[in-house]
Amino acid sequence: AGAVIGLLVMHPSINLPVVTSFNVNGKMLFPMLFVTIA
């Protein structure tokens, strides 16, 4: 709730890129994305 309220009050922008690359420092989006976010 604190995080959501903070986002509501400050409504910050997402400063990260929308998409970077399929290969980031030798780590492939498949399968690493689906293993990293479990």
Full PDB file with SEQRES, HELIX, SHEET, SSBOND, CRYST1, ORIGX, SCALE, CONECT and MASTER records, all heavy atoms in Angstrom:
SEQRES   1 A   38  ALA GLY ALA VAL ILE GLY LEU LEU VAL MET HIS PRO SER          
SEQRES   2 A   38  ILE ASN LEU PRO VAL VAL THR SER PHE ASN VAL ASN GLY          
SEQRES   3 A   38  LYS MET LEU PHE PRO MET LEU PHE VAL THR ILE ALA              
HELIX    1 AA1 GLY A    2  MET A   10  1                                   9    
HELIX    2 AA2 LEU A   29  THR A   36  1                                   8    
SHEET    1 AA1 2 ASN A  23  VAL A  24  0                                        
SHEET    2 AA1 2 LYS A  27  MET A  28 -1                                        
CRYST1    1.000    1.000    1.000  90.00  90.00  90.00 P 1           1          
ORIGX1      1.000000  0.000000  0.000000        0.00000                         
ORIGX2      0.000000  1.000000  0.000000        0.00000                         
ORIGX3      0.000000  0.000000  1.000000        0.00000                         
SCALE1      1.000000  0.000000  0.000000        0.00000                         
SCALE2      0.000000  1.000000  0.000000        0.00000                         
SCALE3      0.000000  0.000000  1.000000        0.00000                         
ATOM      1  N   ALA A   1       0.826  -1.207   0.000  1.00  0.00           N  
ATOM      2  CA  ALA A   1       0.000   0.000   0.000  1.00  0.00           C  
ATOM      3  C   ALA A   1       0.860   1.256   0.000  1.00  0.00           C  
ATOM      4  O   ALA A   1       0.577   2.232  -0.717  1.00  0.00           O  
ATOM      5  CB  ALA A   1      -0.931   0.003   1.215  1.00  0.00           C  
ATOM      6  N   GLY A   2       1.948   1.238   0.805  1.00  0.00           N  
ATOM      7  CA  GLY A   2       2.848   2.389   0.847  1.00  0.00           C  
ATOM      8  C   GLY A   2       3.483   2.656  -0.505  1.00  0.00           C  
ATOM      9  O   GLY A   2       3.602   3.812  -0.936  1.00  0.00           O  
ATOM     10  N   ALA A   3       3.866   1.573  -1.182  1.00  0.00           N  
ATOM     11  CA  ALA A   3       4.472   1.722  -2.507  1.00  0.00           C  
ATOM     12  C   ALA A   3       3.463   2.262  -3.517  1.00  0.00           C  
ATOM     13  O   ALA A   3       3.770   3.167  -4.305  1.00  0.00           O  
ATOM     14  CB  ALA A   3       5.025   0.381  -2.977  1.00  0.00           C  
ATOM     15  N   VAL A   4       2.232   1.720  -3.478  1.00  0.00           N  
ATOM     16  CA  VAL A   4       1.201   2.167  -4.421  1.00  0.00           C  
ATOM     17  C   VAL A   4       0.814   3.614  -4.153  1.00  0.00           C  
ATOM     18  O   VAL A   4       0.672   4.422  -5.089  1.00  0.00           O  
ATOM     19  CB  VAL A   4      -0.041   1.252  -4.330  1.00  0.00           C  
ATOM     20  CG1 VAL A   4      -1.186   1.823  -5.163  1.00  0.00           C  
ATOM     21  CG2 VAL A   4       0.302  -0.156  -4.811  1.00  0.00           C  
ATOM     22  N   ILE A   5       0.652   3.967  -2.867  1.00  0.00           N  
ATOM     23  CA  ILE A   5       0.315   5.357  -2.520  1.00  0.00           C  
ATOM     24  C   ILE A   5       1.433   6.296  -2.973  1.00  0.00           C  
ATOM     25  O   ILE A   5       1.179   7.391  -3.493  1.00  0.00           O  
ATOM     26  CB  ILE A   5       0.065   5.493  -1.005  1.00  0.00           C  
ATOM     27  CG1 ILE A   5      -1.226   4.764  -0.621  1.00  0.00           C  
ATOM     28  CG2 ILE A   5      -0.034   6.969  -0.600  1.00  0.00           C  
ATOM     29  CD1 ILE A   5      -1.461   4.656   0.865  1.00  0.00           C  
ATOM     30  N   GLY A   6       2.673   5.847  -2.765  1.00  0.00           N  
ATOM     31  CA  GLY A   6       3.804   6.650  -3.211  1.00  0.00           C  
ATOM     32  C   GLY A   6       3.781   6.874  -4.714  1.00  0.00           C  
ATOM     33  O   GLY A   6       4.049   7.983  -5.196  1.00  0.00           O  
ATOM     34  N   LEU A   7       3.442   5.835  -5.457  1.00  0.00           N  
ATOM     35  CA  LEU A   7       3.345   5.971  -6.910  1.00  0.00           C  
ATOM     36  C   LEU A   7       2.192   6.901  -7.300  1.00  0.00           C  
ATOM     37  O   LEU A   7       2.287   7.665  -8.267  1.00  0.00           O  
ATOM     38  CB  LEU A   7       3.152   4.594  -7.547  1.00  0.00           C  
ATOM     39  CG  LEU A   7       4.343   3.627  -7.455  1.00  0.00           C  
ATOM     40  CD1 LEU A   7       3.964   2.253  -7.970  1.00  0.00           C  
ATOM     41  CD2 LEU A   7       5.538   4.167  -8.241  1.00  0.00           C  
ATOM     42  N   LEU A   8       1.093   6.818  -6.517  1.00  0.00           N  
ATOM     43  CA  LEU A   8      -0.053   7.700  -6.787  1.00  0.00           C  
ATOM     44  C   LEU A   8       0.304   9.166  -6.548  1.00  0.00           C  
ATOM     45  O   LEU A   8      -0.071  10.053  -7.326  1.00  0.00           O  
ATOM     46  CB  LEU A   8      -1.238   7.307  -5.898  1.00  0.00           C  
ATOM     47  CG  LEU A   8      -2.000   6.035  -6.262  1.00  0.00           C  
ATOM     48  CD1 LEU A   8      -2.987   5.667  -5.159  1.00  0.00           C  
ATOM     49  CD2 LEU A   8      -2.738   6.210  -7.580  1.00  0.00           C  
ATOM     50  N   VAL A   9       1.021   9.414  -5.449  1.00  0.00           N  
ATOM     51  CA  VAL A   9       1.352  10.795  -5.083  1.00  0.00           C  
ATOM     52  C   VAL A   9       2.446  11.359  -5.987  1.00  0.00           C  
ATOM     53  O   VAL A   9       2.342  12.482  -6.497  1.00  0.00           O  
ATOM     54  CB  VAL A   9       1.796  10.859  -3.602  1.00  0.00           C  
ATOM     55  CG1 VAL A   9       2.306  12.260  -3.259  1.00  0.00           C  
ATOM     56  CG2 VAL A   9       0.645  10.481  -2.687  1.00  0.00           C  
ATOM     57  N   MET A  10       3.491  10.577  -6.224  1.00  0.00           N  
ATOM     58  CA  MET A  10       4.640  11.076  -6.975  1.00  0.00           C  
ATOM     59  C   MET A  10       4.559  10.767  -8.470  1.00  0.00           C  
ATOM     60  O   MET A  10       5.245  11.393  -9.279  1.00  0.00           O  
ATOM     61  CB  MET A  10       5.926  10.467  -6.387  1.00  0.00           C  
ATOM     62  CG  MET A  10       6.113  10.785  -4.908  1.00  0.00           C  
ATOM     63  SD  MET A  10       7.606  10.049  -4.187  1.00  0.00           S  
ATOM     64  CE  MET A  10       8.868  11.058  -4.966  1.00  0.00           C  
ATOM     65  N   HIS A  11       3.714   9.781  -8.819  1.00  0.00           N  
ATOM     66  CA  HIS A  11       3.555   9.279 -10.198  1.00  0.00           C  
ATOM     67  C   HIS A  11       4.813   9.470 -11.049  1.00  0.00           C  
ATOM     68  O   HIS A  11       4.819  10.217 -12.039  1.00  0.00           O  
ATOM     69  CB  HIS A  11       2.330   9.881 -10.893  1.00  0.00           C  
ATOM     70  CG  HIS A  11       2.206  11.381 -10.771  1.00  0.00           C  
ATOM     71  ND1 HIS A  11       2.867  12.245 -11.592  1.00  0.00           N  
ATOM     72  CD2 HIS A  11       1.490  12.151  -9.916  1.00  0.00           C  
ATOM     73  CE1 HIS A  11       2.567  13.490 -11.276  1.00  0.00           C  
ATOM     74  NE2 HIS A  11       1.734  13.456 -10.251  1.00  0.00           N  
ATOM     75  N   PRO A  12       5.890   8.771 -10.670  1.00  0.00           N  
ATOM     76  CA  PRO A  12       7.160   8.935 -11.400  1.00  0.00           C  
ATOM     77  C   PRO A  12       7.117   8.282 -12.776  1.00  0.00           C  
ATOM     78  O   PRO A  12       6.277   7.422 -13.058  1.00  0.00           O  
ATOM     79  CB  PRO A  12       8.164   8.211 -10.490  1.00  0.00           C  
ATOM     80  CG  PRO A  12       7.351   7.151  -9.815  1.00  0.00           C  
ATOM     81  CD  PRO A  12       5.992   7.771  -9.598  1.00  0.00           C  
ATOM     82  N   SER A  13       8.030   8.676 -13.600  1.00  0.00           N  
ATOM     83  CA  SER A  13       8.167   8.072 -14.929  1.00  0.00           C  
ATOM     84  C   SER A  13       9.078   6.862 -14.845  1.00  0.00           C  
ATOM     85  O   SER A  13       9.965   6.789 -13.998  1.00  0.00           O  
ATOM     86  CB  SER A  13       8.743   9.089 -15.921  1.00  0.00           C  
ATOM     87  OG  SER A  13       7.866  10.177 -16.082  1.00  0.00           O  
ATOM     88  N   ILE A  14       8.862   5.914 -15.758  1.00  0.00           N  
ATOM     89  CA  ILE A  14       9.753   4.761 -15.862  1.00  0.00           C  
ATOM     90  C   ILE A  14      10.938   5.172 -16.725  1.00  0.00           C  
ATOM     91  O   ILE A  14      10.784   5.441 -17.920  1.00  0.00           O  
ATOM     92  CB  ILE A  14       9.023   3.554 -16.495  1.00  0.00           C  
ATOM     93  CG1 ILE A  14       7.805   3.165 -15.658  1.00  0.00           C  
ATOM     94  CG2 ILE A  14       9.967   2.375 -16.626  1.00  0.00           C  
ATOM     95  CD1 ILE A  14       8.122   2.687 -14.271  1.00  0.00           C  
ATOM     96  N   ASN A  15      12.098   5.256 -16.108  1.00  0.00           N  
ATOM     97  CA  ASN A  15      13.285   5.747 -16.814  1.00  0.00           C  
ATOM     98  C   ASN A  15      14.075   4.647 -17.506  1.00  0.00           C  
ATOM     99  O   ASN A  15      15.090   4.926 -18.152  1.00  0.00           O  
ATOM    100  CB  ASN A  15      14.195   6.475 -15.820  1.00  0.00           C  
ATOM    101  CG  ASN A  15      13.517   7.694 -15.219  1.00  0.00           C  
ATOM    102  OD1 ASN A  15      12.841   8.438 -15.924  1.00  0.00           O  
ATOM    103  ND2 ASN A  15      13.687   7.901 -13.919  1.00  0.00           N  
ATOM    104  N   LEU A  16      13.649   3.410 -17.349  1.00  0.00           N  
ATOM    105  CA  LEU A  16      14.322   2.297 -18.016  1.00  0.00           C  
ATOM    106  C   LEU A  16      13.888   2.221 -19.478  1.00  0.00           C  
ATOM    107  O   LEU A  16      12.779   2.660 -19.833  1.00  0.00           O  
ATOM    108  CB  LEU A  16      13.976   0.978 -17.319  1.00  0.00           C  
ATOM    109  CG  LEU A  16      14.558   0.767 -15.927  1.00  0.00           C  
ATOM    110  CD1 LEU A  16      13.860  -0.414 -15.257  1.00  0.00           C  
ATOM    111  CD2 LEU A  16      16.057   0.517 -16.007  1.00  0.00           C  
ATOM    112  N   PRO A  17      14.700   1.640 -20.355  1.00  0.00           N  
ATOM    113  CA  PRO A  17      14.284   1.438 -21.749  1.00  0.00           C  
ATOM    114  C   PRO A  17      13.083   0.495 -21.835  1.00  0.00           C  
ATOM    115  O   PRO A  17      12.926  -0.391 -20.995  1.00  0.00           O  
ATOM    116  CB  PRO A  17      15.516   0.797 -22.400  1.00  0.00           C  
ATOM    117  CG  PRO A  17      16.655   1.117 -21.489  1.00  0.00           C  
ATOM    118  CD  PRO A  17      16.075   1.183 -20.113  1.00  0.00           C  
ATOM    119  N   VAL A  18      12.257   0.676 -22.829  1.00  0.00           N  
ATOM    120  CA  VAL A  18      11.105  -0.211 -23.029  1.00  0.00           C  
ATOM    121  C   VAL A  18      11.605  -1.622 -23.325  1.00  0.00           C  
ATOM    122  O   VAL A  18      11.172  -2.589 -22.706  1.00  0.00           O  
ATOM    123  CB  VAL A  18      10.216   0.297 -24.185  1.00  0.00           C  
ATOM    124  CG1 VAL A  18       9.044  -0.663 -24.423  1.00  0.00           C  
ATOM    125  CG2 VAL A  18       9.702   1.690 -23.886  1.00  0.00           C  
ATOM    126  N   VAL A  19      12.521  -1.740 -24.262  1.00  0.00           N  
ATOM    127  CA  VAL A  19      13.166  -3.010 -24.611  1.00  0.00           C  
ATOM    128  C   VAL A  19      14.637  -2.701 -24.878  1.00  0.00           C  
ATOM    129  O   VAL A  19      14.953  -1.685 -25.501  1.00  0.00           O  
ATOM    130  CB  VAL A  19      12.533  -3.660 -25.860  1.00  0.00           C  
ATOM    131  CG1 VAL A  19      13.221  -4.971 -26.174  1.00  0.00           C  
ATOM    132  CG2 VAL A  19      11.042  -3.883 -25.668  1.00  0.00           C  
ATOM    133  N   THR A  20      15.527  -3.560 -24.419  1.00  0.00           N  
ATOM    134  CA  THR A  20      16.958  -3.343 -24.659  1.00  0.00           C  
ATOM    135  C   THR A  20      17.442  -4.233 -25.795  1.00  0.00           C  
ATOM    136  O   THR A  20      17.524  -3.829 -26.932  1.00  0.00           O  
ATOM    137  CB  THR A  20      17.777  -3.621 -23.382  1.00  0.00           C  
ATOM    138  OG1 THR A  20      17.494  -4.949 -22.908  1.00  0.00           O  
ATOM    139  CG2 THR A  20      17.446  -2.612 -22.301  1.00  0.00           C  
ATOM    140  N   SER A  21      17.739  -5.490 -25.473  1.00  0.00           N  
ATOM    141  CA  SER A  21      18.279  -6.409 -26.476  1.00  0.00           C  
ATOM    142  C   SER A  21      17.930  -7.834 -26.092  1.00  0.00           C  
ATOM    143  O   SER A  21      17.666  -8.128 -24.927  1.00  0.00           O  
ATOM    144  CB  SER A  21      19.795  -6.246 -26.579  1.00  0.00           C  
ATOM    145  OG  SER A  21      20.361  -7.243 -27.408  1.00  0.00           O  
ATOM    146  N   PHE A  22      17.926  -8.723 -27.086  1.00  0.00           N  
ATOM    147  CA  PHE A  22      17.672 -10.134 -26.809  1.00  0.00           C  
ATOM    148  C   PHE A  22      18.850 -10.755 -26.066  1.00  0.00           C  
ATOM    149  O   PHE A  22      18.680 -11.700 -25.293  1.00  0.00           O  
ATOM    150  CB  PHE A  22      17.427 -10.891 -28.115  1.00  0.00           C  
ATOM    151  CG  PHE A  22      16.988 -12.318 -27.924  1.00  0.00           C  
ATOM    152  CD1 PHE A  22      15.658 -12.624 -27.698  1.00  0.00           C  
ATOM    153  CD2 PHE A  22      17.911 -13.363 -27.952  1.00  0.00           C  
ATOM    154  CE1 PHE A  22      15.242 -13.940 -27.504  1.00  0.00           C  
ATOM    155  CE2 PHE A  22      17.513 -14.675 -27.760  1.00  0.00           C  
ATOM    156  CZ  PHE A  22      16.172 -14.963 -27.539  1.00  0.00           C  
ATOM    157  N   ASN A  23      20.035 -10.198 -26.282  1.00  0.00           N  
ATOM    158  CA  ASN A  23      21.254 -10.690 -25.636  1.00  0.00           C  
ATOM    159  C   ASN A  23      21.872  -9.549 -24.832  1.00  0.00           C  
ATOM    160  O   ASN A  23      22.308  -8.547 -25.402  1.00  0.00           O  
ATOM    161  CB  ASN A  23      22.242 -11.204 -26.686  1.00  0.00           C  
ATOM    162  CG  ASN A  23      23.462 -11.867 -26.057  1.00  0.00           C  
ATOM    163  OD1 ASN A  23      23.837 -11.571 -24.935  1.00  0.00           O  
ATOM    164  ND2 ASN A  23      24.089 -12.776 -26.798  1.00  0.00           N  
ATOM    165  N   VAL A  24      21.884  -9.709 -23.504  1.00  0.00           N  
ATOM    166  CA  VAL A  24      22.447  -8.680 -22.631  1.00  0.00           C  
ATOM    167  C   VAL A  24      23.595  -9.294 -21.834  1.00  0.00           C  
ATOM    168  O   VAL A  24      23.371 -10.136 -20.964  1.00  0.00           O  
ATOM    169  CB  VAL A  24      21.378  -8.113 -21.671  1.00  0.00           C  
ATOM    170  CG1 VAL A  24      21.991  -7.058 -20.759  1.00  0.00           C  
ATOM    171  CG2 VAL A  24      20.215  -7.528 -22.457  1.00  0.00           C  
ATOM    172  N   ASN A  25      24.822  -8.884 -22.166  1.00  0.00           N  
ATOM    173  CA  ASN A  25      26.017  -9.391 -21.477  1.00  0.00           C  
ATOM    174  C   ASN A  25      26.080 -10.922 -21.468  1.00  0.00           C  
ATOM    175  O   ASN A  25      26.408 -11.545 -20.452  1.00  0.00           O  
ATOM    176  CB  ASN A  25      26.069  -8.867 -20.045  1.00  0.00           C  
ATOM    177  CG  ASN A  25      26.162  -7.356 -19.995  1.00  0.00           C  
ATOM    178  OD1 ASN A  25      26.815  -6.742 -20.830  1.00  0.00           O  
ATOM    179  ND2 ASN A  25      25.499  -6.751 -19.005  1.00  0.00           N  
ATOM    180  N   GLY A  26      25.720 -11.524 -22.597  1.00  0.00           N  
ATOM    181  CA  GLY A  26      25.782 -12.981 -22.707  1.00  0.00           C  
ATOM    182  C   GLY A  26      24.565 -13.702 -22.178  1.00  0.00           C  
ATOM    183  O   GLY A  26      24.472 -14.935 -22.287  1.00  0.00           O  
ATOM    184  N   LYS A  27      23.600 -12.965 -21.629  1.00  0.00           N  
ATOM    185  CA  LYS A  27      22.376 -13.576 -21.107  1.00  0.00           C  
ATOM    186  C   LYS A  27      21.242 -13.360 -22.106  1.00  0.00           C  
ATOM    187  O   LYS A  27      20.908 -12.221 -22.437  1.00  0.00           O  
ATOM    188  CB  LYS A  27      22.008 -12.976 -19.747  1.00  0.00           C  
ATOM    189  CG  LYS A  27      23.045 -13.280 -18.670  1.00  0.00           C  
ATOM    190  CD  LYS A  27      22.633 -12.688 -17.325  1.00  0.00           C  
ATOM    191  CE  LYS A  27      23.664 -13.021 -16.254  1.00  0.00           C  
ATOM    192  NZ  LYS A  27      23.300 -12.454 -14.931  1.00  0.00           N  
ATOM    193  N   MET A  28      20.666 -14.476 -22.570  1.00  0.00           N  
ATOM    194  CA  MET A  28      19.617 -14.421 -23.585  1.00  0.00           C  
ATOM    195  C   MET A  28      18.245 -14.226 -22.940  1.00  0.00           C  
ATOM    196  O   MET A  28      17.959 -14.798 -21.881  1.00  0.00           O  
ATOM    197  CB  MET A  28      19.613 -15.712 -24.402  1.00  0.00           C  
ATOM    198  CG  MET A  28      20.984 -16.120 -24.922  1.00  0.00           C  
ATOM    199  SD  MET A  28      21.655 -14.924 -26.113  1.00  0.00           S  
ATOM    200  CE  MET A  28      20.641 -15.275 -27.538  1.00  0.00           C  
ATOM    201  N   LEU A  29      17.421 -13.399 -23.589  1.00  0.00           N  
ATOM    202  CA  LEU A  29      16.076 -13.165 -23.069  1.00  0.00           C  
ATOM    203  C   LEU A  29      15.335 -14.484 -22.867  1.00  0.00           C  
ATOM    204  O   LEU A  29      14.633 -14.662 -21.874  1.00  0.00           O  
ATOM    205  CB  LEU A  29      15.309 -12.238 -24.016  1.00  0.00           C  
ATOM    206  CG  LEU A  29      13.936 -11.748 -23.539  1.00  0.00           C  
ATOM    207  CD1 LEU A  29      13.684 -10.327 -24.024  1.00  0.00           C  
ATOM    208  CD2 LEU A  29      12.816 -12.659 -24.016  1.00  0.00           C  
ATOM    209  N   PHE A  30      15.482 -15.395 -23.822  1.00  0.00           N  
ATOM    210  CA  PHE A  30      15.007 -16.762 -23.630  1.00  0.00           C  
ATOM    211  C   PHE A  30      16.224 -17.641 -23.384  1.00  0.00           C  
ATOM    212  O   PHE A  30      17.128 -17.673 -24.213  1.00  0.00           O  
ATOM    213  CB  PHE A  30      14.253 -17.288 -24.861  1.00  0.00           C  
ATOM    214  CG  PHE A  30      13.737 -18.694 -24.668  1.00  0.00           C  
ATOM    215  CD1 PHE A  30      12.491 -18.916 -24.129  1.00  0.00           C  
ATOM    216  CD2 PHE A  30      14.526 -19.798 -24.988  1.00  0.00           C  
ATOM    217  CE1 PHE A  30      12.022 -20.211 -23.931  1.00  0.00           C  
ATOM    218  CE2 PHE A  30      14.076 -21.091 -24.784  1.00  0.00           C  
ATOM    219  CZ  PHE A  30      12.811 -21.297 -24.263  1.00  0.00           C  
ATOM    220  N   PRO A  31      16.326 -18.291 -22.234  1.00  0.00           N  
ATOM    221  CA  PRO A  31      15.270 -18.501 -21.245  1.00  0.00           C  
ATOM    222  C   PRO A  31      15.356 -17.618 -19.999  1.00  0.00           C  
ATOM    223  O   PRO A  31      14.554 -17.762 -19.088  1.00  0.00           O  
ATOM    224  CB  PRO A  31      15.547 -19.944 -20.830  1.00  0.00           C  
ATOM    225  CG  PRO A  31      17.051 -20.028 -20.844  1.00  0.00           C  
ATOM    226  CD  PRO A  31      17.495 -19.172 -21.997  1.00  0.00           C  
ATOM    227  N   MET A  32      16.346 -16.684 -19.952  1.00  0.00           N  
ATOM    228  CA  MET A  32      16.662 -16.029 -18.689  1.00  0.00           C  
ATOM    229  C   MET A  32      15.511 -15.194 -18.126  1.00  0.00           C  
ATOM    230  O   MET A  32      15.319 -15.137 -16.907  1.00  0.00           O  
ATOM    231  CB  MET A  32      17.909 -15.159 -18.850  1.00  0.00           C  
ATOM    232  CG  MET A  32      19.196 -15.958 -19.051  1.00  0.00           C  
ATOM    233  SD  MET A  32      19.400 -17.298 -17.841  1.00  0.00           S  
ATOM    234  CE  MET A  32      19.464 -16.370 -16.313  1.00  0.00           C  
ATOM    235  N   LEU A  33      14.735 -14.511 -18.980  1.00  0.00           N  
ATOM    236  CA  LEU A  33      13.616 -13.705 -18.473  1.00  0.00           C  
ATOM    237  C   LEU A  33      12.637 -14.560 -17.680  1.00  0.00           C  
ATOM    238  O   LEU A  33      12.184 -14.184 -16.598  1.00  0.00           O  
ATOM    239  CB  LEU A  33      12.890 -13.027 -19.636  1.00  0.00           C  
ATOM    240  CG  LEU A  33      11.595 -12.291 -19.267  1.00  0.00           C  
ATOM    241  CD1 LEU A  33      11.899 -11.069 -18.402  1.00  0.00           C  
ATOM    242  CD2 LEU A  33      10.823 -11.881 -20.510  1.00  0.00           C  
ATOM    243  N   PHE A  34      12.335 -15.756 -18.209  1.00  0.00           N  
ATOM    244  CA  PHE A  34      11.309 -16.614 -17.619  1.00  0.00           C  
ATOM    245  C   PHE A  34      11.818 -17.383 -16.397  1.00  0.00           C  
ATOM    246  O   PHE A  34      11.016 -17.917 -15.624  1.00  0.00           O  
ATOM    247  CB  PHE A  34      10.799 -17.588 -18.681  1.00  0.00           C  
ATOM    248  CG  PHE A  34      10.325 -16.893 -19.927  1.00  0.00           C  
ATOM    249  CD1 PHE A  34      11.175 -16.738 -21.012  1.00  0.00           C  
ATOM    250  CD2 PHE A  34       9.053 -16.361 -19.989  1.00  0.00           C  
ATOM    251  CE1 PHE A  34      10.753 -16.078 -22.145  1.00  0.00           C  
ATOM    252  CE2 PHE A  34       8.619 -15.698 -21.124  1.00  0.00           C  
ATOM    253  CZ  PHE A  34       9.477 -15.552 -22.210  1.00  0.00           C  
ATOM    254  N   VAL A  35      13.131 -17.434 -16.252  1.00  0.00           N  
ATOM    255  CA  VAL A  35      13.721 -18.047 -15.061  1.00  0.00           C  
ATOM    256  C   VAL A  35      13.953 -16.991 -13.990  1.00  0.00           C  
ATOM    257  O   VAL A  35      13.759 -17.239 -12.800  1.00  0.00           O  
ATOM    258  CB  VAL A  35      15.054 -18.745 -15.415  1.00  0.00           C  
ATOM    259  CG1 VAL A  35      15.773 -19.205 -14.159  1.00  0.00           C  
ATOM    260  CG2 VAL A  35      14.791 -19.929 -16.327  1.00  0.00           C  
ATOM    261  N   THR A  36      14.353 -15.799 -14.427  1.00  0.00           N  
ATOM    262  CA  THR A  36      14.642 -14.717 -13.480  1.00  0.00           C  
ATOM    263  C   THR A  36      13.373 -14.270 -12.763  1.00  0.00           C  
ATOM    264  O   THR A  36      13.358 -14.076 -11.550  1.00  0.00           O  
ATOM    265  CB  THR A  36      15.274 -13.527 -14.217  1.00  0.00           C  
ATOM    266  OG1 THR A  36      16.448 -13.972 -14.897  1.00  0.00           O  
ATOM    267  CG2 THR A  36      15.651 -12.429 -13.245  1.00  0.00           C  
ATOM    268  N   ILE A  37      12.284 -14.070 -13.519  1.00  0.00           N  
ATOM    269  CA  ILE A  37      11.000 -13.712 -12.894  1.00  0.00           C  
ATOM    270  C   ILE A  37      10.225 -15.000 -12.679  1.00  0.00           C  
ATOM    271  O   ILE A  37       9.573 -15.522 -13.585  1.00  0.00           O  
ATOM    272  CB  ILE A  37      10.186 -12.742 -13.771  1.00  0.00           C  
ATOM    273  CG1 ILE A  37      10.981 -11.469 -14.040  1.00  0.00           C  
ATOM    274  CG2 ILE A  37       8.868 -12.403 -13.076  1.00  0.00           C  
ATOM    275  CD1 ILE A  37      10.249 -10.454 -14.890  1.00  0.00           C  
ATOM    276  N   ALA A  38      10.312 -15.522 -11.483  1.00  0.00           N  
ATOM    277  CA  ALA A  38       9.579 -16.739 -11.106  1.00  0.00           C  
ATOM    278  C   ALA A  38       8.387 -16.328 -10.247  1.00  0.00           C  
ATOM    279  O   ALA A  38       7.258 -16.241 -10.732  1.00  0.00           O  
ATOM    280  CB  ALA A  38      10.491 -17.700 -10.363  1.00  0.00           C  
TER     281      ALA A  38                                                      
MASTER        0    0    0    2    2    0    0    6  280    1    0    3          
END                                                                             
